[in-house]
Amino acid sequence: MAKAKVSMTIDQHVYARFRQYCRENGMKVSTKVEQMMRESMKNSSLSQFIKEK
């Protein structure tokens, strides 16, 4: 699956805390964000826009 680079503006404090959370739990920020995006769309009307592997 091809990957896309994205640029976002996120509150600095929120990002720092999330990055620390990911580090402490052995995960990449990008992987966790992608996982949360998939979960968010899974049971919504947006599900038509994602393809499952």
C-alpha atoms as a PDB file:
ATOM      1  CA  MET A   1       0.000   0.000   0.000  1.00  0.00           C
ATOM      2  CA  ALA A   2       1.359   3.416  -0.935  1.00  0.00           C
ATOM      3  CA  LYS A   3       1.880   5.905   1.859  1.00  0.00           C
ATOM      4  CA  ALA A   4       1.129   9.638   1.742  1.00  0.00           C
ATOM      5  CA  LYS A   5       3.051  12.349   3.542  1.00  0.00           C
ATOM      6  CA  VAL A   6       0.781  14.803   5.330  1.00  0.00           C
ATOM      7  CA  SER A   7       1.224  18.058   7.152  1.00  0.00           C
ATOM      8  CA  MET A   8      -1.034  19.001  10.067  1.00  0.00           C
ATOM      9  CA  THR A   9      -1.266  21.756  12.606  1.00  0.00           C
ATOM     10  CA  ILE A  10      -1.728  20.315  16.083  1.00  0.00           C
ATOM     11  CA  ASP A  11      -1.560  21.937  19.488  1.00  0.00           C
ATOM     12  CA  GLN A  12       2.066  21.654  20.605  1.00  0.00           C
ATOM     13  CA  HIS A  13       1.206  20.399  24.103  1.00  0.00           C
ATOM     14  CA  VAL A  14      -1.205  17.757  22.799  1.00  0.00           C
ATOM     15  CA  TYR A  15       1.349  16.536  20.247  1.00  0.00           C
ATOM     16  CA  ALA A  16       4.128  16.329  22.830  1.00  0.00           C
ATOM     17  CA  ARG A  17       1.951  14.314  25.205  1.00  0.00           C
ATOM     18  CA  PHE A  18       0.770  12.008  22.393  1.00  0.00           C
ATOM     19  CA  ARG A  19       4.325  11.476  21.142  1.00  0.00           C
ATOM     20  CA  GLN A  20       5.398  10.569  24.688  1.00  0.00           C
ATOM     21  CA  TYR A  21       2.445   8.161  24.989  1.00  0.00           C
ATOM     22  CA  CYS A  22       3.449   6.460  21.740  1.00  0.00           C
ATOM     23  CA  ARG A  23       7.090   6.246  22.795  1.00  0.00           C
ATOM     24  CA  GLU A  24       6.164   4.679  26.150  1.00  0.00           C
ATOM     25  CA  ASN A  25       3.933   2.135  24.400  1.00  0.00           C
ATOM     26  CA  GLY A  26       6.388   1.193  21.650  1.00  0.00           C
ATOM     27  CA  MET A  27       4.496   2.577  18.686  1.00  0.00           C
ATOM     28  CA  LYS A  28       5.052   5.122  15.934  1.00  0.00           C
ATOM     29  CA  VAL A  29       2.947   8.270  16.011  1.00  0.00           C
ATOM     30  CA  SER A  30       2.024   7.869  12.335  1.00  0.00           C
ATOM     31  CA  THR A  31       0.963   4.243  12.780  1.00  0.00           C
ATOM     32  CA  LYS A  32      -1.214   5.093  15.782  1.00  0.00           C
ATOM     33  CA  VAL A  33      -2.839   8.039  13.967  1.00  0.00           C
ATOM     34  CA  GLU A  34      -3.580   5.823  10.952  1.00  0.00           C
ATOM     35  CA  GLN A  35      -5.082   3.170  13.243  1.00  0.00           C
ATOM     36  CA  MET A  36      -7.297   5.766  14.961  1.00  0.00           C
ATOM     37  CA  MET A  37      -8.409   7.148  11.595  1.00  0.00           C
ATOM     38  CA  ARG A  38      -9.439   3.675  10.426  1.00  0.00           C
ATOM     39  CA  GLU A  39     -11.347   3.017  13.654  1.00  0.00           C
ATOM     40  CA  SER A  40     -13.067   6.387  13.447  1.00  0.00           C
ATOM     41  CA  MET A  41     -14.262   5.699   9.910  1.00  0.00           C
ATOM     42  CA  LYS A  42     -15.114   2.017  10.365  1.00  0.00           C
ATOM     43  CA  ASN A  43     -18.636   2.511  11.690  1.00  0.00           C
ATOM     44  CA  SER A  44     -19.484   5.813  10.051  1.00  0.00           C
ATOM     45  CA  SER A  45     -20.688   6.997   6.689  1.00  0.00           C
ATOM     46  CA  LEU A  46     -17.023   7.669   5.843  1.00  0.00           C
ATOM     47  CA  SER A  47     -16.345   3.933   5.631  1.00  0.00           C
ATOM     48  CA  GLN A  48     -17.022   4.013   1.904  1.00  0.00           C
ATOM     49  CA  PHE A  49     -13.790   5.980   1.469  1.00  0.00           C
ATOM     50  CA  ILE A  50     -11.406   3.418   2.960  1.00  0.00           C
ATOM     51  CA  LYS A  51     -10.389   0.063   1.591  1.00  0.00           C
ATOM     52  CA  GLU A  52      -9.504  -2.645   4.049  1.00  0.00           C
ATOM     53  CA  LYS A  53      -6.448  -4.754   3.345  1.00  0.00           C
END
